[in-house]
């Protein structure tokens, strides 16, 4: 009778590898959740910046007021760039953005359903509107503040928006967004 040596792993070796892998996954999971939350903020913040720039440039191009308007009762549902002023999107907006999931919340000037942002024919908004974009990350909160200056440019910084016009903004800064 010829004996063949069977090659393979023993049960104890498989259990040891499983234990090492589970430790590595438990260490990496919070970091991965944090990265996904920051990516959600970047995506929504970039889309909002693009819509603001579109509204501003359309107002200058058309030499008339153009509004950035929330969809439905909250900014977290999405928004549109519209020729009509008002608190709701018209039937023929210039641009529409819908948020697919309820993972990101947006508040304008501290109010979930804050008013529309209207740009005049020179591309300037009234006041200094702010948008607080936030999402949760493994028990923490990630927040970015987008502020429109008097000339319509958008700046941002990590953390919540202040009550007054913000002067500490940095261009496209996401550092410090997650606590």
Protein backbone atom coordinates (compact mmCIF):
# COMPACT_ATOMS: atom_id res chain seq x y z
CA UNK A 1 0.00 0.00 0.00
CA UNK A 2 1.34 3.41 -1.00
CA UNK A 3 0.85 6.29 1.45
CA UNK A 4 0.23 9.78 0.14
CA UNK A 5 0.89 12.79 2.29
CA UNK A 6 -2.14 15.04 2.32
CA UNK A 7 -1.30 18.71 2.09
CA UNK A 8 -3.50 21.34 3.67
CA UNK A 9 -4.12 23.34 6.78
CA UNK A 10 -5.21 22.05 10.09
CA UNK A 11 -8.25 23.37 11.90
CA UNK A 12 -6.09 25.21 14.45
CA UNK A 13 -4.19 27.01 11.65
CA UNK A 14 -7.47 28.12 10.02
CA UNK A 15 -8.80 29.39 13.36
CA UNK A 16 -5.60 31.38 13.97
CA UNK A 17 -5.87 33.04 10.53
CA UNK A 18 -9.56 33.79 11.15
CA UNK A 19 -8.72 35.42 14.50
CA UNK A 20 -6.02 37.63 12.92
CA UNK A 21 -8.34 38.68 10.07
CA UNK A 22 -11.18 39.54 12.48
CA UNK A 23 -8.85 41.76 14.56
CA UNK A 24 -7.67 43.57 11.42
CA UNK A 25 -11.25 44.12 10.22
CA UNK A 26 -12.37 45.47 13.61
CA UNK A 27 -9.47 47.96 13.59
CA UNK A 28 -10.06 49.08 9.96
CA UNK A 29 -13.89 49.40 10.06
CA UNK A 30 -14.15 52.75 11.94
CA UNK A 31 -11.52 54.29 9.66
CA UNK A 32 -13.38 53.07 6.59
CA UNK A 33 -16.68 54.48 7.90
CA UNK A 34 -14.95 57.83 8.49
CA UNK A 35 -13.61 57.82 4.91
CA UNK A 36 -17.05 57.04 3.44
CA UNK A 37 -18.65 59.88 5.43
CA UNK A 38 -16.05 62.37 4.19
CA UNK A 39 -16.59 61.17 0.63
CA UNK A 40 -20.36 61.73 0.95
CA UNK A 41 -19.66 65.29 2.16
CA UNK A 42 -17.27 65.94 -0.72
CA UNK A 43 -19.75 64.70 -3.30
CA UNK A 44 -22.75 66.67 -2.01
CA UNK A 45 -20.64 69.76 -1.25
CA UNK A 46 -19.15 69.72 -4.74
CA UNK A 47 -22.58 69.36 -6.36
CA UNK A 48 -23.91 72.24 -4.26
CA UNK A 49 -20.90 74.40 -5.23
CA UNK A 50 -21.48 73.58 -8.89
CA UNK A 51 -25.17 74.50 -8.65
CA UNK A 52 -24.33 77.79 -6.91
CA UNK A 53 -21.78 78.61 -9.64
CA UNK A 54 -24.35 77.71 -12.32
CA UNK A 55 -27.02 79.95 -10.76
CA UNK A 56 -24.54 82.81 -10.44
CA UNK A 57 -23.28 82.53 -14.03
CA UNK A 58 -26.81 82.16 -15.45
CA UNK A 59 -27.89 85.31 -13.61
CA UNK A 60 -25.03 87.27 -15.18
CA UNK A 61 -25.51 85.68 -18.62
CA UNK A 62 -29.27 86.30 -18.71
CA UNK A 63 -29.02 89.68 -16.94
CA UNK A 64 -31.83 88.73 -14.55
CA UNK A 65 -32.37 87.09 -11.18
CA UNK A 66 -31.80 83.33 -10.94
CA UNK A 67 -32.54 81.32 -7.81
CA UNK A 68 -31.14 78.23 -6.14
CA UNK A 69 -34.25 76.62 -4.64
CA UNK A 70 -34.74 73.62 -2.33
CA UNK A 71 -36.78 70.69 -3.66
CA UNK A 72 -39.74 69.87 -1.49
CA UNK A 73 -39.68 71.03 2.11
CA UNK A 74 -35.94 70.63 2.82
CA UNK A 75 -32.55 71.15 1.17
CA UNK A 76 -31.71 67.53 2.01
CA UNK A 77 -34.20 66.46 -0.69
CA UNK A 78 -32.10 68.24 -3.32
CA UNK A 79 -32.32 71.59 -5.11
CA UNK A 80 -32.77 73.23 -8.49
CA UNK A 81 -31.46 76.27 -10.35
CA UNK A 82 -34.54 78.15 -11.49
CA UNK A 83 -35.52 81.27 -13.40
CA UNK A 84 -38.60 81.70 -11.26
CA UNK A 85 -38.23 83.10 -7.77
CA UNK A 86 -40.16 81.36 -5.05
CA UNK A 87 -39.94 78.65 -2.45
CA UNK A 88 -40.38 75.69 -4.83
CA UNK A 89 -38.85 74.55 -8.12
CA UNK A 90 -40.86 75.48 -11.21
CA UNK A 91 -41.90 73.00 -13.89
CA UNK A 92 -38.90 73.94 -16.10
CA UNK A 93 -35.78 74.45 -13.94
CA UNK A 94 -32.36 75.03 -15.53
CA UNK A 95 -30.69 72.35 -13.40
CA UNK A 96 -31.95 69.79 -10.87
CA UNK A 97 -30.03 67.82 -8.25
CA UNK A 98 -31.70 65.15 -6.14
CA UNK A 99 -30.05 63.53 -3.14
CA UNK A 100 -30.55 59.79 -3.39
CA UNK A 101 -30.18 58.79 0.23
CA UNK A 102 -31.10 60.34 3.54
CA UNK A 103 -27.52 60.02 4.79
CA UNK A 104 -26.58 63.68 4.20
CA UNK A 105 -28.48 66.60 5.70
CA UNK A 106 -28.29 70.19 4.51
CA UNK A 107 -29.42 73.29 6.37
CA UNK A 108 -29.41 76.83 4.97
CA UNK A 109 -28.64 79.60 7.46
CA UNK A 110 -29.35 77.17 10.27
CA UNK A 111 -32.83 76.20 9.00
CA UNK A 112 -33.57 72.84 7.39
CA UNK A 113 -36.09 74.41 5.02
CA UNK A 114 -34.35 77.79 4.71
CA UNK A 115 -35.26 80.17 1.91
CA UNK A 116 -34.00 80.08 -1.68
CA UNK A 117 -30.76 81.84 -2.62
CA UNK A 118 -31.41 84.47 -5.26
CA UNK A 119 -28.64 85.90 -7.44
CA UNK A 120 -29.20 89.30 -9.04
CA UNK A 121 -28.13 90.26 -12.59
CA UNK A 122 -24.58 90.93 -11.31
CA UNK A 123 -24.29 87.44 -9.82
CA UNK A 124 -24.50 88.63 -6.22
CA UNK A 125 -26.64 86.95 -3.55
CA UNK A 126 -28.51 88.80 -0.82
CA UNK A 127 -26.55 88.76 2.45
CA UNK A 128 -24.06 85.96 2.99
CA UNK A 129 -26.02 82.70 2.77
CA UNK A 130 -24.52 79.63 4.44
CA UNK A 131 -25.11 75.91 3.97
CA UNK A 132 -24.27 73.37 6.66
CA UNK A 133 -23.73 69.95 5.07
CA UNK A 134 -23.48 67.08 7.56
CA UNK A 135 -23.50 63.30 7.82
CA UNK A 136 -22.74 60.75 10.53
CA UNK A 137 -19.65 58.58 10.78
CA UNK A 138 -19.35 55.62 13.18
CA UNK A 139 -20.97 57.43 16.10
CA UNK A 140 -19.51 60.86 15.21
CA UNK A 141 -20.72 63.74 13.08
CA UNK A 142 -19.03 65.16 9.96
CA UNK A 143 -19.90 68.76 9.09
CA UNK A 144 -18.78 71.25 6.45
CA UNK A 145 -19.87 74.89 6.14
CA UNK A 146 -20.28 76.44 2.67
CA UNK A 147 -20.46 80.25 2.72
CA UNK A 148 -21.34 82.59 -0.14
CA UNK A 149 -19.49 85.89 -0.08
CA UNK A 150 -21.07 89.21 -1.10
CA UNK A 151 -19.73 88.75 -4.65
CA UNK A 152 -21.16 85.21 -4.94
CA UNK A 153 -18.00 83.14 -4.49
CA UNK A 154 -18.26 79.96 -2.40
CA UNK A 155 -15.78 79.09 0.33
CA UNK A 156 -15.83 76.28 2.86
CA UNK A 157 -14.38 75.02 6.11
CA UNK A 158 -14.81 72.00 8.34
CA UNK A 159 -17.29 72.39 11.18
CA UNK A 160 -20.58 74.22 11.62
CA UNK A 161 -21.37 77.64 10.21
CA UNK A 162 -21.32 80.68 12.47
CA UNK A 163 -24.25 83.07 12.85
CA UNK A 164 -22.41 85.98 11.23
CA UNK A 165 -20.74 86.19 7.82
CA UNK A 166 -17.80 83.81 7.97
CA UNK A 167 -14.32 85.19 7.37
CA UNK A 168 -12.25 82.09 8.24
CA UNK A 169 -13.23 80.09 5.17
CA UNK A 170 -10.74 78.20 3.06
CA UNK A 171 -11.23 77.08 -0.51
CA UNK A 172 -12.53 73.46 -0.69
CA UNK A 173 -11.24 72.53 2.77
CA UNK A 174 -12.59 69.24 4.11
CA UNK A 175 -9.98 68.89 6.85
CA UNK A 176 -11.56 68.70 10.27
CA UNK A 177 -15.00 67.88 8.89
CA UNK A 178 -15.38 64.74 10.99
CA UNK A 179 -15.17 64.79 14.77
